[in-house]
Amino acid sequence: MRHHFNRTTLAGFAVVMLCSHTVFAREPSPAGVVFEKNIEYSNPDEQHLQLNMARPQNGKGPFPVIVCIHGGGFRAGSREGFNGLCQQLAKHGYVAVTVSYRLAPKYPFPAAIHDVKAAVRWVRANAEKYNIDTGRVGTTGGSAGGHLAQYLGVTRGIKRFEGSGGNPQYSSHVDCVVNFYGPSDFTKSYDASVDAAEVLPLFLGGNLEQERQRHIVASPLYWVTPDASPTLCIHGTQDQYVAHEQSVWLIDRLQATGVPASLMTVKGGNHGFRGVSKQVRASIEAARIAFFDKHLKGRRLAD
């Protein structure tokens, strides 16, 4: 493979935590963190979509915010898997939310896109209540959640993907993305994935032959412009579900348009980065925090 700039390679694996009406709840949380569950942010088709939130207990603020998006092949998964990550982000001075979204096959593309964009708009609409700086919004996710996070980062201002999930007067733009092994080009997924033939037709309403245009439209790679958000991709070389090349293509495209972007390659890493050492896990999470610190805390407060 040819040389790529701004890449980091780790010899090992890394782990990333993935992956009714509102009932407000507060749970025990680490010292210095306020953790609240089951906050409704949107109600498309009477689905009462909710999020969980962790935020610093102390500090002046307003704080930057990070929207965390779970994986699960667009058809499964739960926001609860990111509760721990949100609490860790809060300890680092962020408000962090983990969101539910509508799942395939009942709700195919672009329902999930509409939902995560509605979540970003909700965050901005409730900024005063939760001491959030609306000018510093990041997102992160793994696998399908990485795809959705990346989609937020490349579709700024494209009305067709906003949906009708509430707070239309607010922007769904994100200022940066940390994408753990999310697919970037669905048209090239089938030959390099053990489950794409099963998963993608559910999400896209048919296979590549039947719904090629939807595969293209749903692929973040084809929406990259100079307006895309700075991005860090983290991906293993032995990923059997989403090929490592998916991140290579995305980072190359982002860099070619002048967008700050880098790829952290986990040598030998599989999908989900299981079997990890504490040292490598710490390195991966440190990279995520450092990226957010640079692109969110390094920005001036919103006016």
C-alpha atoms as a PDB file:
ATOM      1  CA  MET A   1       0.000   0.000   0.000  1.00  0.00           C
ATOM      2  CA  ARG A   2       1.301   3.444  -0.827  1.00  0.00           C
ATOM      3  CA  HIS A   3       2.334   5.867   1.879  1.00  0.00           C
ATOM      4  CA  HIS A   4      -0.389   7.979   3.496  1.00  0.00           C
ATOM      5  CA  PHE A   5       0.249  11.052   5.557  1.00  0.00           C
ATOM      6  CA  ASN A   6      -0.991  11.669   9.098  1.00  0.00           C
ATOM      7  CA  ARG A   7      -1.381   8.009  10.007  1.00  0.00           C
ATOM      8  CA  THR A   8      -0.598   6.240  13.247  1.00  0.00           C
ATOM      9  CA  THR A   9      -0.088   2.468  13.464  1.00  0.00           C
ATOM     10  CA  LEU A  10      -0.530   0.518  16.721  1.00  0.00           C
ATOM     11  CA  ALA A  11       0.804  -3.021  17.056  1.00  0.00           C
ATOM     12  CA  GLY A  12      -2.160  -4.580  18.810  1.00  0.00           C
ATOM     13  CA  PHE A  13      -5.839  -4.300  19.345  1.00  0.00           C
ATOM     14  CA  ALA A  14      -8.018  -1.595  20.804  1.00  0.00           C
ATOM     15  CA  VAL A  15     -11.468  -1.582  22.286  1.00  0.00           C
ATOM     16  CA  VAL A  16     -14.195   0.927  21.698  1.00  0.00           C
ATOM     17  CA  MET A  17     -17.447   0.838  23.645  1.00  0.00           C
ATOM     18  CA  LEU A  18     -20.159   0.347  21.125  1.00  0.00           C
ATOM     19  CA  CYS A  19     -21.493  -1.003  20.508  1.00  0.00           C
ATOM     20  CA  SER A  20     -41.962   4.244  25.371  1.00  0.00           C
ATOM     21  CA  HIS A  21     -42.404   7.793  26.713  1.00  0.00           C
ATOM     22  CA  THR A  22     -39.685   9.665  28.423  1.00  0.00           C
ATOM     23  CA  VAL A  23     -38.957   8.747  32.034  1.00  0.00           C
ATOM     24  CA  PHE A  24     -36.404  11.118  33.493  1.00  0.00           C
ATOM     25  CA  ALA A  25     -33.854   9.296  35.630  1.00  0.00           C
ATOM     26  CA  ARG A  26     -30.552  10.041  37.323  1.00  0.00           C
ATOM     27  CA  GLU A  27     -28.097   7.272  38.174  1.00  0.00           C
ATOM     28  CA  PRO A  28     -25.009   7.028  40.359  1.00  0.00           C
ATOM     29  CA  SER A  29     -22.016   8.283  38.409  1.00  0.00           C
ATOM     30  CA  PRO A  30     -18.298   8.923  38.889  1.00  0.00           C
ATOM     31  CA  ALA A  31     -17.280  11.772  41.149  1.00  0.00           C
ATOM     32  CA  GLY A  32     -17.672  15.105  39.433  1.00  0.00           C
ATOM     33  CA  VAL A  33     -20.136  13.797  36.831  1.00  0.00           C
ATOM     34  CA  VAL A  34     -23.911  14.213  36.552  1.00  0.00           C
ATOM     35  CA  PHE A  35     -25.492  11.328  34.611  1.00  0.00           C
ATOM     36  CA  GLU A  36     -29.111  11.425  33.419  1.00  0.00           C
ATOM     37  CA  LYS A  37     -31.007   8.813  31.428  1.00  0.00           C
ATOM     38  CA  ASN A  38     -34.069   8.544  29.209  1.00  0.00           C
ATOM     39  CA  ILE A  39     -34.353  12.113  27.972  1.00  0.00           C
ATOM     40  CA  GLU A  40     -36.605  12.261  24.927  1.00  0.00           C
ATOM     41  CA  TYR A  41     -35.081  14.247  22.063  1.00  0.00           C
ATOM     42  CA  SER A  42     -37.396  13.428  19.143  1.00  0.00           C
ATOM     43  CA  ASN A  43     -40.613  11.542  18.437  1.00  0.00           C
ATOM     44  CA  PRO A  44     -40.795  10.423  14.791  1.00  0.00           C
ATOM     45  CA  ASP A  45     -43.594   7.934  14.100  1.00  0.00           C
ATOM     46  CA  GLU A  46     -44.362   7.792  17.849  1.00  0.00           C
ATOM     47  CA  GLN A  47     -40.984   6.170  18.569  1.00  0.00           C
ATOM     48  CA  HIS A  48     -40.063   8.500  21.470  1.00  0.00           C
ATOM     49  CA  LEU A  49     -36.330   8.508  20.809  1.00  0.00           C
ATOM     50  CA  GLN A  50     -34.222   9.082  23.906  1.00  0.00           C
ATOM     51  CA  LEU A  51     -30.697   9.918  24.936  1.00  0.00           C
ATOM     52  CA  ASN A  52     -28.584   9.557  28.062  1.00  0.00           C
ATOM     53  CA  MET A  53     -26.389  12.463  29.139  1.00  0.00           C
ATOM     54  CA  ALA A  54     -23.256  12.876  31.226  1.00  0.00           C
ATOM     55  CA  ARG A  55     -21.933  16.321  32.080  1.00  0.00           C
ATOM     56  CA  PRO A  56     -19.386  17.876  34.426  1.00  0.00           C
ATOM     57  CA  GLN A  57     -20.771  18.572  37.887  1.00  0.00           C
ATOM     58  CA  ASN A  58     -18.423  21.478  38.374  1.00  0.00           C
ATOM     59  CA  GLY A  59     -16.760  24.045  36.162  1.00  0.00           C
ATOM     60  CA  LYS A  60     -17.847  27.259  34.574  1.00  0.00           C
ATOM     61  CA  GLY A  61     -18.771  26.191  31.058  1.00  0.00           C
ATOM     62  CA  PRO A  62     -20.345  26.432  28.643  1.00  0.00           C
ATOM     63  CA  PHE A  63     -18.885  23.055  27.745  1.00  0.00           C
ATOM     64  CA  PRO A  64     -18.270  21.473  24.342  1.00  0.00           C
ATOM     65  CA  VAL A  65     -20.589  18.553  23.613  1.00  0.00           C
ATOM     66  CA  ILE A  66     -20.063  15.153  21.984  1.00  0.00           C
ATOM     67  CA  VAL A  67     -22.835  13.048  20.444  1.00  0.00           C
ATOM     68  CA  CYS A  68     -22.065   9.305  20.736  1.00  0.00           C
ATOM     69  CA  ILE A  69     -23.723   6.889  18.298  1.00  0.00           C
ATOM     70  CA  HIS A  70     -23.877   3.135  18.931  1.00  0.00           C
ATOM     71  CA  GLY A  71     -23.256   0.419  16.359  1.00  0.00           C
ATOM     72  CA  GLY A  72     -25.157  -2.757  15.558  1.00  0.00           C
ATOM     73  CA  GLY A  73     -25.386  -3.127  11.801  1.00  0.00           C
ATOM     74  CA  PHE A  74     -28.139  -0.469  11.542  1.00  0.00           C
ATOM     75  CA  ARG A  75     -30.565  -3.083  12.900  1.00  0.00           C
ATOM     76  CA  ALA A  76     -29.526  -3.629  16.538  1.00  0.00           C
ATOM     77  CA  GLY A  77     -27.518  -2.115  19.375  1.00  0.00           C
ATOM     78  CA  SER A  78     -28.340   0.178  22.272  1.00  0.00           C
ATOM     79  CA  ARG A  79     -27.309   3.625  23.437  1.00  0.00           C
ATOM     80  CA  GLU A  80     -26.576   2.122  26.870  1.00  0.00           C
ATOM     81  CA  GLY A  81     -23.303   0.716  25.503  1.00  0.00           C
ATOM     82  CA  PHE A  82     -21.861   4.235  25.451  1.00  0.00           C
ATOM     83  CA  ASN A  83     -22.836   5.231  29.000  1.00  0.00           C
ATOM     84  CA  GLY A  84     -19.316   4.614  30.267  1.00  0.00           C
ATOM     85  CA  LEU A  85     -17.731   6.561  27.443  1.00  0.00           C
ATOM     86  CA  CYS A  86     -20.029   9.507  28.086  1.00  0.00           C
ATOM     87  CA  GLN A  87     -19.057   9.540  31.753  1.00  0.00           C
ATOM     88  CA  GLN A  88     -15.375   9.462  30.851  1.00  0.00           C
ATOM     89  CA  LEU A  89     -15.857  12.337  28.423  1.00  0.00           C
ATOM     90  CA  ALA A  90     -17.643  14.306  31.149  1.00  0.00           C
ATOM     91  CA  LYS A  91     -14.634  13.796  33.426  1.00  0.00           C
ATOM     92  CA  HIS A  92     -12.557  15.413  30.676  1.00  0.00           C
ATOM     93  CA  GLY A  93     -14.783  18.498  30.572  1.00  0.00           C
ATOM     94  CA  TYR A  94     -17.379  17.578  27.950  1.00  0.00           C
ATOM     95  CA  VAL A  95     -21.114  17.215  27.949  1.00  0.00           C
ATOM     96  CA  ALA A  96     -21.687  13.856  26.236  1.00  0.00           C
ATOM     97  CA  VAL A  97     -24.883  12.206  25.045  1.00  0.00           C
ATOM     98  CA  THR A  98     -25.514   8.683  23.773  1.00  0.00           C
ATOM     99  CA  VAL A  99     -28.526   8.463  21.493  1.00  0.00           C
ATOM    100  CA  SER A 100     -30.992   5.885  20.252  1.00  0.00           C
ATOM    101  CA  TYR A 101     -32.134   5.950  16.626  1.00  0.00           C
ATOM    102  CA  ARG A 102     -34.632   4.065  14.488  1.00  0.00           C
ATOM    103  CA  LEU A 103     -33.411   0.696  13.240  1.00  0.00           C
ATOM    104  CA  ALA A 104     -33.746  -1.297  10.019  1.00  0.00           C
ATOM    105  CA  PRO A 105     -35.530  -3.102   8.501  1.00  0.00           C
ATOM    106  CA  LYS A 106     -38.627  -1.305   9.803  1.00  0.00           C
ATOM    107  CA  TYR A 107     -36.879   2.037   9.361  1.00  0.00           C
ATOM    108  CA  PRO A 108     -34.385   1.915   6.462  1.00  0.00           C
ATOM    109  CA  PHE A 109     -32.076   4.706   5.290  1.00  0.00           C
ATOM    110  CA  PRO A 110     -32.340   7.649   5.781  1.00  0.00           C
ATOM    111  CA  ALA A 111     -34.363   7.348   9.016  1.00  0.00           C
ATOM    112  CA  ALA A 112     -31.274   6.887  11.199  1.00  0.00           C
ATOM    113  CA  ILE A 113     -29.644   9.899   9.535  1.00  0.00           C
ATOM    114  CA  HIS A 114     -32.709  11.996  10.279  1.00  0.00           C
ATOM    115  CA  ASP A 115     -32.583  10.882  13.897  1.00  0.00           C
ATOM    116  CA  VAL A 116     -28.937  11.623  14.652  1.00  0.00           C
ATOM    117  CA  LYS A 117     -29.293  15.017  12.976  1.00  0.00           C
ATOM    118  CA  ALA A 118     -32.342  15.653  15.171  1.00  0.00           C
ATOM    119  CA  ALA A 119     -30.206  14.747  18.187  1.00  0.00           C
ATOM    120  CA  VAL A 120     -27.598  17.365  17.256  1.00  0.00           C
ATOM    121  CA  ARG A 121     -30.309  19.970  16.781  1.00  0.00           C
ATOM    122  CA  TRP A 122     -31.804  19.046  20.165  1.00  0.00           C
ATOM    123  CA  VAL A 123     -28.413  19.529  21.814  1.00  0.00           C
ATOM    124  CA  ARG A 124     -28.203  23.036  20.407  1.00  0.00           C
ATOM    125  CA  ALA A 125     -31.821  23.821  21.289  1.00  0.00           C
ATOM    126  CA  ASN A 126     -31.171  22.828  24.920  1.00  0.00           C
ATOM    127  CA  ALA A 127     -27.738  24.394  25.225  1.00  0.00           C
ATOM    128  CA  GLU A 128     -28.696  26.928  27.878  1.00  0.00           C
ATOM    129  CA  LYS A 129     -30.337  24.321  30.096  1.00  0.00           C
ATOM    130  CA  TYR A 130     -27.321  22.011  30.051  1.00  0.00           C
ATOM    131  CA  ASN A 131     -24.543  24.627  29.857  1.00  0.00           C
ATOM    132  CA  ILE A 132     -23.464  23.614  26.325  1.00  0.00           C
ATOM    133  CA  ASP A 133     -21.476  25.689  23.849  1.00  0.00           C
ATOM    134  CA  THR A 134     -23.327  25.364  20.539  1.00  0.00           C
ATOM    135  CA  GLY A 135     -20.216  26.297  18.577  1.00  0.00           C
ATOM    136  CA  ARG A 136     -18.292  23.228  19.751  1.00  0.00           C
ATOM    137  CA  VAL A 137     -20.125  20.014  18.823  1.00  0.00           C
ATOM    138  CA  GLY A 138     -18.349  16.745  18.085  1.00  0.00           C
ATOM    139  CA  THR A 139     -19.499  13.206  17.374  1.00  0.00           C
ATOM    140  CA  THR A 140     -18.139   9.690  17.671  1.00  0.00           C
ATOM    141  CA  GLY A 141     -19.395   6.186  16.949  1.00  0.00           C
ATOM    142  CA  GLY A 142     -18.413   2.652  16.061  1.00  0.00           C
ATOM    143  CA  SER A 143     -19.262   0.542  13.007  1.00  0.00           C
ATOM    144  CA  ALA A 144     -22.793   1.588  11.943  1.00  0.00           C
ATOM    145  CA  GLY A 145     -22.461   4.366  14.511  1.00  0.00           C
ATOM    146  CA  GLY A 146     -19.180   5.388  12.916  1.00  0.00           C
ATOM    147  CA  HIS A 147     -20.960   5.635   9.579  1.00  0.00           C
ATOM    148  CA  LEU A 148     -23.717   7.796  11.051  1.00  0.00           C
ATOM    149  CA  ALA A 149     -21.196  10.030  12.817  1.00  0.00           C
ATOM    150  CA  GLN A 150     -19.262  10.409   9.576  1.00  0.00           C
ATOM    151  CA  TYR A 151     -22.444  11.203   7.672  1.00  0.00           C
ATOM    152  CA  LEU A 152     -23.053  14.073  10.070  1.00  0.00           C
ATOM    153  CA  GLY A 153     -19.575  15.321   9.232  1.00  0.00           C
ATOM    154  CA  VAL A 154     -20.004  15.382   5.437  1.00  0.00           C
ATOM    155  CA  THR A 155     -23.596  16.557   4.909  1.00  0.00           C
ATOM    156  CA  ARG A 156     -23.601  20.019   6.392  1.00  0.00           C
ATOM    157  CA  GLY A 157     -26.491  22.112   5.091  1.00  0.00           C
ATOM    158  CA  ILE A 158     -28.023  19.395   2.889  1.00  0.00           C
ATOM    159  CA  LYS A 159     -31.724  19.809   3.605  1.00  0.00           C
ATOM    160  CA  ARG A 160     -32.833  16.429   2.254  1.00  0.00           C
ATOM    161  CA  PHE A 161     -31.205  14.662   5.202  1.00  0.00           C
ATOM    162  CA  GLU A 162     -32.538  16.846   8.011  1.00  0.00           C
ATOM    163  CA  GLY A 163     -35.856  15.044   8.442  1.00  0.00           C
ATOM    164  CA  SER A 164     -38.655  16.394  10.627  1.00  0.00           C
ATOM    165  CA  GLY A 165     -37.419  15.395  14.071  1.00  0.00           C
ATOM    166  CA  GLY A 166     -37.826  18.775  15.714  1.00  0.00           C
ATOM    167  CA  ASN A 167     -35.939  22.034  16.348  1.00  0.00           C
ATOM    168  CA  PRO A 168     -35.598  22.867  12.631  1.00  0.00           C
ATOM    169  CA  GLN A 169     -34.276  26.348  13.394  1.00  0.00           C
ATOM    170  CA  TYR A 170     -31.030  24.844  14.724  1.00  0.00           C
ATOM    171  CA  SER A 171     -28.079  23.442  12.776  1.00  0.00           C
ATOM    172  CA  SER A 172     -27.188  19.732  12.714  1.00  0.00           C
ATOM    173  CA  HIS A 173     -23.567  20.514  11.781  1.00  0.00           C
ATOM    174  CA  VAL A 174     -20.779  18.905  13.801  1.00  0.00           C
ATOM    175  CA  ASP A 175     -17.320  20.408  14.180  1.00  0.00           C
ATOM    176  CA  CYS A 176     -15.353  17.143  14.203  1.00  0.00           C
ATOM    177  CA  VAL A 177     -15.757  13.358  13.950  1.00  0.00           C
ATOM    178  CA  VAL A 178     -14.005  10.383  15.550  1.00  0.00           C
ATOM    179  CA  ASN A 179     -15.048   7.387  13.455  1.00  0.00           C
ATOM    180  CA  PHE A 180     -14.292   3.862  14.650  1.00  0.00           C
ATOM    181  CA  TYR A 181     -14.346   1.502  11.636  1.00  0.00           C
ATOM    182  CA  GLY A 182     -17.443   2.929   9.978  1.00  0.00           C
ATOM    183  CA  PRO A 183     -18.091   2.016   6.318  1.00  0.00           C
ATOM    184  CA  SER A 184     -17.554   4.839   3.837  1.00  0.00           C
ATOM    185  CA  ASP A 185     -18.505   3.244   0.490  1.00  0.00           C
ATOM    186  CA  PHE A 186     -21.338   0.718   0.463  1.00  0.00           C
ATOM    187  CA  THR A 187     -20.846  -0.002  -3.235  1.00  0.00           C
ATOM    188  CA  LYS A 188     -17.568  -1.753  -2.334  1.00  0.00           C
ATOM    189  CA  SER A 189     -18.707  -3.485   0.848  1.00  0.00           C
ATOM    190  CA  TYR A 190     -20.055  -6.798  -0.396  1.00  0.00           C
ATOM    191  CA  ASP A 191     -16.832  -8.538  -1.460  1.00  0.00           C
ATOM    192  CA  ALA A 192     -14.894  -7.528   1.658  1.00  0.00           C
ATOM    193  CA  SER A 193     -17.399  -8.133   4.459  1.00  0.00           C
ATOM    194  CA  VAL A 194     -18.736 -11.311   6.019  1.00  0.00           C
ATOM    195  CA  ASP A 195     -22.191  -9.858   6.642  1.00  0.00           C
ATOM    196  CA  ALA A 196     -22.764  -7.008   4.174  1.00  0.00           C
ATOM    197  CA  ALA A 197     -25.008  -9.183   1.999  1.00  0.00           C
ATOM    198  CA  GLU A 198     -27.237  -9.747   5.012  1.00  0.00           C
ATOM    199  CA  VAL A 199     -27.118  -6.301   6.608  1.00  0.00           C
ATOM    200  CA  LEU A 200     -27.063  -3.751   3.802  1.00  0.00           C
ATOM    201  CA  PRO A 201     -30.222  -4.831   1.938  1.00  0.00           C
ATOM    202  CA  LEU A 202     -32.153  -4.334   5.185  1.00  0.00           C
ATOM    203  CA  PHE A 203     -30.759  -0.828   5.631  1.00  0.00           C
ATOM    204  CA  LEU A 204     -30.893   0.219   1.971  1.00  0.00           C
ATOM    205  CA  GLY A 205     -34.029  -1.527   0.752  1.00  0.00           C
ATOM    206  CA  GLY A 206     -32.253  -3.985  -1.545  1.00  0.00           C
ATOM    207  CA  ASN A 207     -28.854  -5.230  -2.590  1.00  0.00           C
ATOM    208  CA  LEU A 208     -26.355  -3.367  -4.771  1.00  0.00           C
ATOM    209  CA  GLU A 209     -27.910  -4.580  -8.018  1.00  0.00           C
ATOM    210  CA  GLN A 210     -31.406  -3.616  -6.906  1.00  0.00           C
ATOM    211  CA  GLU A 211     -30.649  -0.305  -5.141  1.00  0.00           C
ATOM    212  CA  ARG A 212     -27.289   0.927  -6.436  1.00  0.00           C
ATOM    213  CA  GLN A 213     -28.262   4.595  -6.250  1.00  0.00           C
ATOM    214  CA  ARG A 214     -29.258   4.294  -2.592  1.00  0.00           C
ATOM    215  CA  HIS A 215     -25.924   2.602  -1.849  1.00  0.00           C
ATOM    216  CA  ILE A 216     -24.155   5.609  -3.360  1.00  0.00           C
ATOM    217  CA  VAL A 217     -26.315   8.218  -1.634  1.00  0.00           C
ATOM    218  CA  ALA A 218     -25.890   6.483   1.737  1.00  0.00           C
ATOM    219  CA  SER A 219     -22.078   6.386   1.452  1.00  0.00           C
ATOM    220  CA  PRO A 220     -20.214   9.209   3.227  1.00  0.00           C
ATOM    221  CA  LEU A 221     -17.352   8.989   0.720  1.00  0.00           C
ATOM    222  CA  TYR A 222     -19.483  10.538  -2.018  1.00  0.00           C
ATOM    223  CA  TRP A 223     -20.504  13.534   0.086  1.00  0.00           C
ATOM    224  CA  VAL A 224     -17.002  14.744   0.960  1.00  0.00           C
ATOM    225  CA  THR A 225     -16.403  18.431   0.162  1.00  0.00           C
ATOM    226  CA  PRO A 226     -14.045  21.085   1.557  1.00  0.00           C
ATOM    227  CA  ASP A 227     -16.835  21.874   4.066  1.00  0.00           C
ATOM    228  CA  ALA A 228     -16.551  18.433   5.703  1.00  0.00           C
ATOM    229  CA  SER A 229     -15.646  18.247   9.380  1.00  0.00           C
ATOM    230  CA  PRO A 230     -12.142  17.342  10.604  1.00  0.00           C
ATOM    231  CA  THR A 231     -12.033  13.578  11.050  1.00  0.00           C
ATOM    232  CA  LEU A 232     -10.056  10.909  12.866  1.00  0.00           C
ATOM    233  CA  CYS A 233     -10.683   7.329  11.715  1.00  0.00           C
ATOM    234  CA  ILE A 234      -9.555   4.372  13.838  1.00  0.00           C
ATOM    235  CA  HIS A 235      -9.592   1.003  12.073  1.00  0.00           C
ATOM    236  CA  GLY A 236      -8.026  -2.456  12.315  1.00  0.00           C
ATOM    237  CA  THR A 237      -6.228  -4.163   9.442  1.00  0.00           C
ATOM    238  CA  GLN A 238      -8.000  -7.507  10.033  1.00  0.00           C
ATOM    239  CA  ASP A 239     -11.561  -6.193  10.186  1.00  0.00           C
ATOM    240  CA  GLN A 240     -13.786  -8.831   8.557  1.00  0.00           C
ATOM    241  CA  TYR A 241     -16.960  -6.741   8.695  1.00  0.00           C
ATOM    242  CA  VAL A 242     -15.779  -3.338   7.480  1.00  0.00           C
ATOM    243  CA  ALA A 243     -12.545  -3.491   5.505  1.00  0.00           C
ATOM    244  CA  HIS A 244      -9.691  -1.267   6.653  1.00  0.00           C
ATOM    245  CA  GLU A 245      -9.583   0.191   3.133  1.00  0.00           C
ATOM    246  CA  GLN A 246     -12.933   1.871   3.782  1.00  0.00           C
ATOM    247  CA  SER A 247     -11.190   4.277   6.151  1.00  0.00           C
ATOM    248  CA  VAL A 248      -8.188   4.668   3.835  1.00  0.00           C
ATOM    249  CA  TRP A 249     -10.457   5.813   0.990  1.00  0.00           C
ATOM    250  CA  LEU A 250     -12.313   8.248   3.236  1.00  0.00           C
ATOM    251  CA  ILE A 251      -9.202   9.834   4.723  1.00  0.00           C
ATOM    252  CA  ASP A 252      -7.597  10.155   1.282  1.00  0.00           C
ATOM    253  CA  ARG A 253     -10.706  11.924  -0.042  1.00  0.00           C
ATOM    254  CA  LEU A 254     -10.907  14.258   2.946  1.00  0.00           C
ATOM    255  CA  GLN A 255      -7.225  15.151   2.709  1.00  0.00           C
ATOM    256  CA  ALA A 256      -7.508  15.722  -1.043  1.00  0.00           C
ATOM    257  CA  THR A 257     -10.152  18.391  -0.392  1.00  0.00           C
ATOM    258  CA  GLY A 258      -8.055  20.070   2.300  1.00  0.00           C
ATOM    259  CA  VAL A 259      -9.997  18.788   5.314  1.00  0.00           C
ATOM    260  CA  PRO A 260      -7.857  17.944   8.379  1.00  0.00           C
ATOM    261  CA  ALA A 261      -8.066  14.154   8.580  1.00  0.00           C
ATOM    262  CA  SER A 262      -5.977  11.261   9.871  1.00  0.00           C
ATOM    263  CA  LEU A 263      -6.167   7.496  10.147  1.00  0.00           C
ATOM    264  CA  MET A 264      -5.022   5.511  13.166  1.00  0.00           C
ATOM    265  CA  THR A 265      -4.391   1.982  11.916  1.00  0.00           C
ATOM    266  CA  VAL A 266      -4.586  -0.836  14.478  1.00  0.00           C
ATOM    267  CA  LYS A 267      -2.298  -3.471  13.031  1.00  0.00           C
ATOM    268  CA  GLY A 268      -3.953  -6.893  13.292  1.00  0.00           C
ATOM    269  CA  GLY A 269      -7.096  -5.372  14.782  1.00  0.00           C
ATOM    270  CA  ASN A 270     -10.461  -7.000  14.078  1.00  0.00           C
ATOM    271  CA  HIS A 271     -13.971  -5.563  14.165  1.00  0.00           C
ATOM    272  CA  GLY A 272     -14.676  -4.450  17.720  1.00  0.00           C
ATOM    273  CA  PHE A 273     -10.996  -4.671  18.720  1.00  0.00           C
ATOM    274  CA  ARG A 274     -11.576  -7.427  21.264  1.00  0.00           C
ATOM    275  CA  GLY A 275      -8.784  -9.036  23.242  1.00  0.00           C
ATOM    276  CA  VAL A 276      -7.087  -5.796  24.038  1.00  0.00           C
ATOM    277  CA  SER A 277      -4.356  -4.859  26.451  1.00  0.00           C
ATOM    278  CA  LYS A 278      -4.930  -2.041  28.905  1.00  0.00           C
ATOM    279  CA  GLN A 279      -1.990  -0.175  27.437  1.00  0.00           C
ATOM    280  CA  VAL A 280      -3.353  -0.210  23.897  1.00  0.00           C
ATOM    281  CA  ARG A 281      -6.849   0.618  25.133  1.00  0.00           C
ATOM    282  CA  ALA A 282      -5.477   3.643  26.927  1.00  0.00           C
ATOM    283  CA  SER A 283      -3.624   4.747  23.789  1.00  0.00           C
ATOM    284  CA  ILE A 284      -6.765   4.550  21.672  1.00  0.00           C
ATOM    285  CA  GLU A 285      -8.895   6.469  24.136  1.00  0.00           C
ATOM    286  CA  ALA A 286      -6.138   9.034  24.613  1.00  0.00           C
ATOM    287  CA  ALA A 287      -6.127   9.597  20.861  1.00  0.00           C
ATOM    288  CA  ARG A 288      -9.886  10.165  20.861  1.00  0.00           C
ATOM    289  CA  ILE A 289      -9.676  12.654  23.718  1.00  0.00           C
ATOM    290  CA  ALA A 290      -6.695  14.449  22.165  1.00  0.00           C
ATOM    291  CA  PHE A 291      -8.538  14.850  18.881  1.00  0.00           C
ATOM    292  CA  PHE A 292     -11.597  16.304  20.579  1.00  0.00           C
ATOM    293  CA  ASP A 293      -9.446  18.569  22.727  1.00  0.00           C
ATOM    294  CA  LYS A 294      -7.734  19.932  19.625  1.00  0.00           C
ATOM    295  CA  HIS A 295     -10.840  20.483  17.535  1.00  0.00           C
ATOM    296  CA  LEU A 296     -13.353  21.414  20.245  1.00  0.00           C
ATOM    297  CA  LYS A 297     -11.531  22.839  23.254  1.00  0.00           C
ATOM    298  CA  GLY A 298      -9.129  24.541  20.869  1.00  0.00           C
ATOM    299  CA  ARG A 299     -12.012  26.493  19.327  1.00  0.00           C
ATOM    300  CA  ARG A 300     -13.200  29.762  20.797  1.00  0.00           C
ATOM    301  CA  LEU A 301     -16.537  29.820  22.578  1.00  0.00           C
ATOM    302  CA  ALA A 302     -19.620  30.431  20.471  1.00  0.00           C
ATOM    303  CA  ASP A 303     -20.914  33.974  20.395  1.00  0.00           C
END
